Amino acid sequence: MKSKTKNRTILVVEDERPLVQAIETKLEKNGFDVITARTVEQAARYLEEINNIEAIWLDHYLPGDKTGLDFVAMLKSPDSKWKKLPVFIVSNTASNNNVRSYLRLGVSKYCVKADHRLDEIVTEIADFLDNPEK
């Protein structure tokens, strides 16, 4: 299946290595170029270094001092050059507080891993990027 997403670049911030490989494979099969990071600090470095990142796949729980929520707060701050970058939270948990906090900050979507197949999430991201006004 050929998608409109050819050559789109997505930053996947996830620490579970087997899951990262599965996500990367699924995204690449759908025409994405994939950059992976395991920590908020590494993801922030990649954003500074790589100019063509069009979306972020982000887990809430990451190694290091900062969570996904800290990263989104930085990304969506009023003076951030990345505040319009679509962010898709894909997490193991969905506490009401976390979901509300992410949505208040302006993430594009919050998905619980157990409730969605990888291909569903990839399709949602591709559809969002193809039709951002939806």
N, C-alpha and C. Protein backbone atom coordinates (compact mmCIF):
# COMPACT_ATOMS: atom_id res chain seq x y z
N MET A 1 0.84 -1.18 0.00
CA MET A 1 0.00 0.00 0.00
C MET A 1 0.89 1.24 0.00
N LYS A 2 0.73 2.05 -0.99
CA LYS A 2 1.51 3.28 -1.07
C LYS A 2 0.73 4.40 -0.38
N SER A 3 1.39 5.13 0.46
CA SER A 3 0.74 6.16 1.25
C SER A 3 1.26 7.54 0.87
N LYS A 4 0.47 8.56 1.17
CA LYS A 4 0.88 9.94 0.96
C LYS A 4 2.01 10.33 1.92
N THR A 5 2.31 9.49 2.88
CA THR A 5 3.27 9.85 3.92
C THR A 5 4.71 9.63 3.49
N LYS A 6 4.97 9.27 2.24
CA LYS A 6 6.34 8.99 1.79
C LYS A 6 7.27 10.13 2.19
N ASN A 7 8.39 9.75 2.74
CA ASN A 7 9.45 10.67 3.14
C ASN A 7 9.09 11.56 4.33
N ARG A 8 8.02 11.30 5.01
CA ARG A 8 7.73 12.03 6.24
C ARG A 8 8.61 11.45 7.34
N THR A 9 9.06 12.32 8.22
CA THR A 9 9.95 11.88 9.29
C THR A 9 9.24 12.00 10.63
N ILE A 10 9.31 10.92 11.39
CA ILE A 10 8.69 10.88 12.71
C ILE A 10 9.75 10.52 13.75
N LEU A 11 9.70 11.20 14.86
CA LEU A 11 10.59 10.91 15.99
C LEU A 11 9.82 10.03 16.97
N VAL A 12 10.31 8.83 17.21
CA VAL A 12 9.69 7.90 18.14
C VAL A 12 10.50 7.93 19.44
N VAL A 13 9.85 8.32 20.52
CA VAL A 13 10.51 8.40 21.82
C VAL A 13 9.89 7.31 22.69
N GLU A 14 10.62 6.21 22.80
CA GLU A 14 10.12 4.99 23.45
C GLU A 14 11.34 4.24 23.99
N ASP A 15 11.23 3.68 25.18
CA ASP A 15 12.38 3.01 25.77
C ASP A 15 12.34 1.48 25.66
N GLU A 16 11.23 0.89 25.32
CA GLU A 16 11.14 -0.57 25.20
C GLU A 16 11.70 -1.00 23.84
N ARG A 17 12.91 -1.54 23.84
CA ARG A 17 13.61 -1.85 22.59
C ARG A 17 12.83 -2.75 21.63
N PRO A 18 12.25 -3.88 22.08
CA PRO A 18 11.49 -4.71 21.13
C PRO A 18 10.31 -3.94 20.53
N LEU A 19 9.69 -3.09 21.34
CA LEU A 19 8.58 -2.30 20.84
C LEU A 19 9.06 -1.25 19.84
N VAL A 20 10.20 -0.64 20.11
CA VAL A 20 10.77 0.34 19.18
C VAL A 20 10.98 -0.31 17.82
N GLN A 21 11.52 -1.52 17.80
CA GLN A 21 11.76 -2.20 16.53
C GLN A 21 10.45 -2.46 15.79
N ALA A 22 9.42 -2.88 16.50
CA ALA A 22 8.12 -3.12 15.88
C ALA A 22 7.51 -1.83 15.34
N ILE A 23 7.59 -0.76 16.13
CA ILE A 23 7.06 0.54 15.72
C ILE A 23 7.80 1.02 14.48
N GLU A 24 9.12 0.94 14.51
CA GLU A 24 9.95 1.40 13.40
C GLU A 24 9.59 0.64 12.12
N THR A 25 9.48 -0.67 12.21
CA THR A 25 9.14 -1.49 11.04
C THR A 25 7.78 -1.09 10.49
N LYS A 26 6.79 -0.94 11.35
CA LYS A 26 5.43 -0.60 10.92
C LYS A 26 5.40 0.78 10.27
N LEU A 27 6.08 1.75 10.87
CA LEU A 27 6.11 3.10 10.31
C LEU A 27 6.82 3.12 8.96
N GLU A 28 7.96 2.43 8.87
CA GLU A 28 8.71 2.41 7.60
C GLU A 28 7.91 1.75 6.49
N LYS A 29 7.15 0.69 6.82
CA LYS A 29 6.30 0.05 5.81
C LYS A 29 5.21 0.99 5.32
N ASN A 30 4.91 2.00 6.10
CA ASN A 30 3.89 2.98 5.73
C ASN A 30 4.50 4.29 5.23
N GLY A 31 5.76 4.24 4.84
CA GLY A 31 6.38 5.37 4.17
C GLY A 31 7.01 6.42 5.05
N PHE A 32 7.20 6.13 6.32
CA PHE A 32 7.84 7.10 7.21
C PHE A 32 9.33 6.84 7.31
N ASP A 33 10.11 7.90 7.46
CA ASP A 33 11.49 7.80 7.91
C ASP A 33 11.40 7.91 9.43
N VAL A 34 12.12 7.05 10.15
CA VAL A 34 11.98 6.98 11.59
C VAL A 34 13.29 7.31 12.29
N ILE A 35 13.20 8.16 13.29
CA ILE A 35 14.31 8.47 14.18
C ILE A 35 13.86 8.01 15.56
N THR A 36 14.71 7.30 16.27
CA THR A 36 14.31 6.81 17.59
C THR A 36 15.17 7.42 18.68
N ALA A 37 14.52 7.67 19.81
CA ALA A 37 15.19 8.18 21.00
C ALA A 37 14.65 7.41 22.20
N ARG A 38 15.48 7.25 23.21
CA ARG A 38 15.05 6.53 24.42
C ARG A 38 14.74 7.45 25.58
N THR A 39 15.23 8.69 25.53
CA THR A 39 15.04 9.63 26.64
C THR A 39 14.57 10.97 26.10
N VAL A 40 14.03 11.78 27.00
CA VAL A 40 13.61 13.13 26.65
C VAL A 40 14.82 13.95 26.19
N GLU A 41 15.92 13.79 26.88
CA GLU A 41 17.13 14.55 26.53
C GLU A 41 17.60 14.22 25.11
N GLN A 42 17.62 12.94 24.77
CA GLN A 42 18.03 12.52 23.44
C GLN A 42 17.04 13.05 22.39
N ALA A 43 15.76 12.98 22.67
CA ALA A 43 14.74 13.48 21.73
C ALA A 43 14.91 14.98 21.51
N ALA A 44 15.17 15.72 22.57
CA ALA A 44 15.36 17.17 22.44
C ALA A 44 16.58 17.49 21.58
N ARG A 45 17.64 16.71 21.75
CA ARG A 45 18.84 16.89 20.91
C ARG A 45 18.51 16.67 19.44
N TYR A 46 17.77 15.60 19.15
CA TYR A 46 17.40 15.31 17.76
C TYR A 46 16.56 16.42 17.16
N LEU A 47 15.65 16.98 17.94
CA LEU A 47 14.84 18.09 17.42
C LEU A 47 15.71 19.28 17.04
N GLU A 48 16.74 19.53 17.84
CA GLU A 48 17.66 20.63 17.53
C GLU A 48 18.49 20.35 16.28
N GLU A 49 18.87 19.09 16.09
CA GLU A 49 19.78 18.72 15.02
C GLU A 49 19.10 18.40 13.69
N ILE A 50 17.87 17.92 13.73
CA ILE A 50 17.19 17.43 12.53
C ILE A 50 15.98 18.32 12.26
N ASN A 51 15.98 18.97 11.12
CA ASN A 51 14.96 19.98 10.83
C ASN A 51 13.67 19.44 10.23
N ASN A 52 13.66 18.22 9.73
CA ASN A 52 12.48 17.77 8.99
C ASN A 52 11.56 16.82 9.78
N ILE A 53 11.63 16.82 11.09
CA ILE A 53 10.74 15.98 11.89
C ILE A 53 9.33 16.59 11.82
N GLU A 54 8.36 15.75 11.41
CA GLU A 54 7.00 16.24 11.20
C GLU A 54 6.01 15.80 12.27
N ALA A 55 6.41 14.84 13.10
CA ALA A 55 5.52 14.35 14.17
C ALA A 55 6.35 13.61 15.20
N ILE A 56 5.76 13.46 16.38
CA ILE A 56 6.43 12.74 17.47
C ILE A 56 5.49 11.68 18.02
N TRP A 57 6.02 10.46 18.15
CA TRP A 57 5.36 9.33 18.83
C TRP A 57 6.04 9.27 20.18
N LEU A 58 5.29 9.45 21.26
CA LEU A 58 5.91 9.62 22.57
C LEU A 58 5.26 8.73 23.62
N ASP A 59 6.11 8.01 24.35
CA ASP A 59 5.66 7.26 25.52
C ASP A 59 5.75 8.18 26.74
N HIS A 60 4.91 7.95 27.73
CA HIS A 60 4.93 8.78 28.93
C HIS A 60 6.12 8.43 29.83
N TYR A 61 6.31 7.13 30.06
CA TYR A 61 7.36 6.69 30.98
C TYR A 61 8.65 6.44 30.22
N LEU A 62 9.68 7.19 30.57
CA LEU A 62 10.97 7.09 29.91
C LEU A 62 12.07 7.10 30.96
N PRO A 63 13.23 6.50 30.65
CA PRO A 63 14.33 6.56 31.61
C PRO A 63 14.85 8.00 31.72
N GLY A 64 15.44 8.29 32.84
CA GLY A 64 15.97 9.64 33.06
C GLY A 64 15.07 10.42 33.99
N ASP A 65 15.39 11.68 34.15
CA ASP A 65 14.66 12.53 35.10
C ASP A 65 13.35 13.07 34.55
N LYS A 66 13.18 13.06 33.24
CA LYS A 66 12.00 13.70 32.64
C LYS A 66 11.06 12.68 32.01
N THR A 67 9.77 12.95 32.18
CA THR A 67 8.74 12.10 31.58
C THR A 67 8.30 12.70 30.24
N GLY A 68 7.44 11.97 29.58
CA GLY A 68 6.86 12.49 28.34
C GLY A 68 6.12 13.80 28.58
N LEU A 69 5.49 13.92 29.73
CA LEU A 69 4.76 15.15 30.06
C LEU A 69 5.70 16.35 30.14
N ASP A 70 6.88 16.15 30.72
CA ASP A 70 7.88 17.22 30.76
C ASP A 70 8.28 17.64 29.34
N PHE A 71 8.45 16.65 28.48
CA PHE A 71 8.85 16.91 27.09
C PHE A 71 7.77 17.69 26.36
N VAL A 72 6.52 17.27 26.51
CA VAL A 72 5.42 17.97 25.84
C VAL A 72 5.28 19.40 26.36
N ALA A 73 5.45 19.59 27.66
CA ALA A 73 5.39 20.94 28.24
C ALA A 73 6.44 21.84 27.59
N MET A 74 7.63 21.30 27.36
CA MET A 74 8.69 22.07 26.70
C MET A 74 8.32 22.33 25.24
N LEU A 75 7.83 21.30 24.54
CA LEU A 75 7.49 21.44 23.13
C LEU A 75 6.37 22.45 22.90
N LYS A 76 5.39 22.44 23.76
CA LYS A 76 4.19 23.25 23.55
C LYS A 76 4.23 24.59 24.26
N SER A 77 5.36 24.94 24.87
CA SER A 77 5.44 26.25 25.52
C SER A 77 5.30 27.35 24.46
N PRO A 78 4.74 28.50 24.85
CA PRO A 78 4.44 29.56 23.87
C PRO A 78 5.62 30.02 23.03
N ASP A 79 6.83 29.98 23.58
CA ASP A 79 7.99 30.45 22.83
C ASP A 79 8.75 29.32 22.11
N SER A 80 8.20 28.14 22.11
CA SER A 80 8.86 26.99 21.48
C SER A 80 8.69 27.00 19.97
N LYS A 81 9.75 26.70 19.25
CA LYS A 81 9.65 26.61 17.79
C LYS A 81 8.97 25.32 17.35
N TRP A 82 8.69 24.42 18.30
CA TRP A 82 8.04 23.14 17.99
C TRP A 82 6.59 23.09 18.47
N LYS A 83 6.02 24.21 18.88
CA LYS A 83 4.69 24.17 19.50
C LYS A 83 3.60 23.66 18.56
N LYS A 84 3.80 23.74 17.25
CA LYS A 84 2.80 23.25 16.30
C LYS A 84 3.07 21.82 15.82
N LEU A 85 4.15 21.24 16.29
CA LEU A 85 4.52 19.88 15.91
C LEU A 85 3.52 18.89 16.51
N PRO A 86 2.89 18.05 15.67
CA PRO A 86 1.93 17.07 16.21
C PRO A 86 2.64 16.04 17.11
N VAL A 87 2.03 15.80 18.27
CA VAL A 87 2.57 14.83 19.22
C VAL A 87 1.48 13.80 19.51
N PHE A 88 1.85 12.54 19.38
CA PHE A 88 0.94 11.42 19.62
C PHE A 88 1.47 10.65 20.82
N ILE A 89 0.73 10.67 21.91
CA ILE A 89 1.13 9.94 23.11
C ILE A 89 0.65 8.51 22.96
N VAL A 90 1.57 7.57 23.11
CA VAL A 90 1.25 6.14 23.04
C VAL A 90 1.86 5.54 24.30
N SER A 91 0.99 5.29 25.29
CA SER A 91 1.48 4.93 26.62
C SER A 91 0.83 3.65 27.13
N ASN A 92 1.45 3.06 28.14
CA ASN A 92 0.90 1.88 28.78
C ASN A 92 -0.28 2.20 29.69
N THR A 93 -0.34 3.42 30.17
CA THR A 93 -1.38 3.78 31.12
C THR A 93 -2.15 5.00 30.65
N ALA A 94 -3.31 5.16 31.22
CA ALA A 94 -4.14 6.31 30.86
C ALA A 94 -4.80 6.87 32.11
N SER A 95 -4.01 7.30 33.07
CA SER A 95 -4.63 7.91 34.24
C SER A 95 -5.34 9.18 33.77
N ASN A 96 -6.47 9.45 34.38
CA ASN A 96 -7.24 10.64 33.98
C ASN A 96 -6.41 11.91 34.06
N ASN A 97 -5.58 12.00 35.11
CA ASN A 97 -4.74 13.19 35.27
C ASN A 97 -3.75 13.34 34.12
N ASN A 98 -3.08 12.23 33.75
CA ASN A 98 -2.13 12.29 32.64
C ASN A 98 -2.81 12.67 31.33
N VAL A 99 -3.91 12.00 31.03
CA VAL A 99 -4.61 12.28 29.77
C VAL A 99 -5.03 13.74 29.72
N ARG A 100 -5.65 14.23 30.79
CA ARG A 100 -6.08 15.64 30.82
C ARG A 100 -4.89 16.58 30.67
N SER A 101 -3.79 16.29 31.35
CA SER A 101 -2.61 17.15 31.26
C SER A 101 -2.07 17.21 29.84
N TYR A 102 -1.96 16.05 29.20
CA TYR A 102 -1.47 16.02 27.82
C TYR A 102 -2.41 16.77 26.88
N LEU A 103 -3.69 16.53 27.01
CA LEU A 103 -4.65 17.18 26.12
C LEU A 103 -4.67 18.69 26.34
N ARG A 104 -4.55 19.12 27.60
CA ARG A 104 -4.48 20.56 27.88
C ARG A 104 -3.26 21.20 27.23
N LEU A 105 -2.17 20.46 27.18
CA LEU A 105 -0.95 20.99 26.57
C LEU A 105 -1.03 21.02 25.04
N GLY A 106 -1.98 20.28 24.47
CA GLY A 106 -2.18 20.35 23.03
C GLY A 106 -1.67 19.18 22.22
N VAL A 107 -1.56 17.98 22.81
CA VAL A 107 -1.16 16.83 22.01
C VAL A 107 -2.26 16.51 20.99
N SER A 108 -1.88 15.86 19.92
CA SER A 108 -2.83 15.53 18.87
C SER A 108 -3.71 14.34 19.22
N LYS A 109 -3.15 13.39 19.98
CA LYS A 109 -3.90 12.16 20.31
C LYS A 109 -3.21 11.47 21.47
N TYR A 110 -4.02 10.80 22.30
CA TYR A 110 -3.51 9.98 23.40
C TYR A 110 -4.04 8.58 23.20
N CYS A 111 -3.15 7.61 23.03
CA CYS A 111 -3.54 6.21 22.82
C CYS A 111 -2.94 5.35 23.93
N VAL A 112 -3.71 4.39 24.39
CA VAL A 112 -3.22 3.39 25.32
C VAL A 112 -2.78 2.19 24.50
N LYS A 113 -1.55 1.74 24.70
CA LYS A 113 -0.98 0.66 23.90
C LYS A 113 -1.87 -0.58 23.87
N ALA A 114 -2.42 -0.94 25.01
CA ALA A 114 -3.23 -2.16 25.09
C ALA A 114 -4.55 -2.05 24.31
N ASP A 115 -4.99 -0.84 24.04
CA ASP A 115 -6.28 -0.64 23.38
C ASP A 115 -6.18 -0.46 21.86
N HIS A 116 -4.96 -0.36 21.33
CA HIS A 116 -4.78 -0.08 19.91
C HIS A 116 -3.68 -0.95 19.32
N ARG A 117 -3.90 -1.44 18.12
CA ARG A 117 -2.85 -2.15 17.40
C ARG A 117 -1.92 -1.12 16.77
N LEU A 118 -0.68 -1.51 16.54
CA LEU A 118 0.30 -0.60 15.95
C LEU A 118 -0.19 -0.04 14.62
N ASP A 119 -0.76 -0.90 13.77
CA ASP A 119 -1.20 -0.42 12.47
C ASP A 119 -2.32 0.62 12.59
N GLU A 120 -3.16 0.51 13.61
CA GLU A 120 -4.21 1.51 13.82
C GLU A 120 -3.60 2.86 14.18
N ILE A 121 -2.60 2.83 15.05
CA ILE A 121 -1.96 4.08 15.47
C ILE A 121 -1.22 4.71 14.29
N VAL A 122 -0.51 3.91 13.52
CA VAL A 122 0.22 4.42 12.36
C VAL A 122 -0.76 5.04 11.36
N THR A 123 -1.89 4.38 11.13
CA THR A 123 -2.90 4.90 10.21
C THR A 123 -3.45 6.23 10.72
N GLU A 124 -3.71 6.32 12.02
CA GLU A 124 -4.21 7.57 12.59
C GLU A 124 -3.20 8.71 12.42
N ILE A 125 -1.93 8.41 12.63
CA ILE A 125 -0.90 9.43 12.47
C ILE A 125 -0.82 9.88 11.01
N ALA A 126 -0.79 8.92 10.10
CA ALA A 126 -0.73 9.25 8.66
C ALA A 126 -1.95 10.07 8.25
N ASP A 127 -3.14 9.65 8.69
CA ASP A 127 -4.36 10.40 8.36
C ASP A 127 -4.31 11.81 8.91
N PHE A 128 -3.84 11.95 10.14
CA PHE A 128 -3.74 13.28 10.75
C PHE A 128 -2.79 14.17 9.94
N LEU A 129 -1.65 13.63 9.56
CA LEU A 129 -0.68 14.43 8.80
C LEU A 129 -1.19 14.76 7.41
N ASP A 130 -1.97 13.86 6.83
CA ASP A 130 -2.53 14.11 5.50
C ASP A 130 -3.69 15.11 5.55
N ASN A 131 -4.40 15.16 6.70
CA ASN A 131 -5.58 16.02 6.86
C ASN A 131 -5.55 16.69 8.22
N PRO A 132 -4.61 17.60 8.47
CA PRO A 132 -4.47 18.18 9.80
C PRO A 132 -5.66 19.01 10.25
N GLU A 133 -6.48 19.48 9.32
CA GLU A 133 -7.63 20.32 9.70
C GLU A 133 -8.81 19.51 10.22
N LYS A 134 -8.76 18.17 10.11
CA LYS A 134 -9.87 17.34 10.58
C LYS A 134 -10.12 17.47 12.05
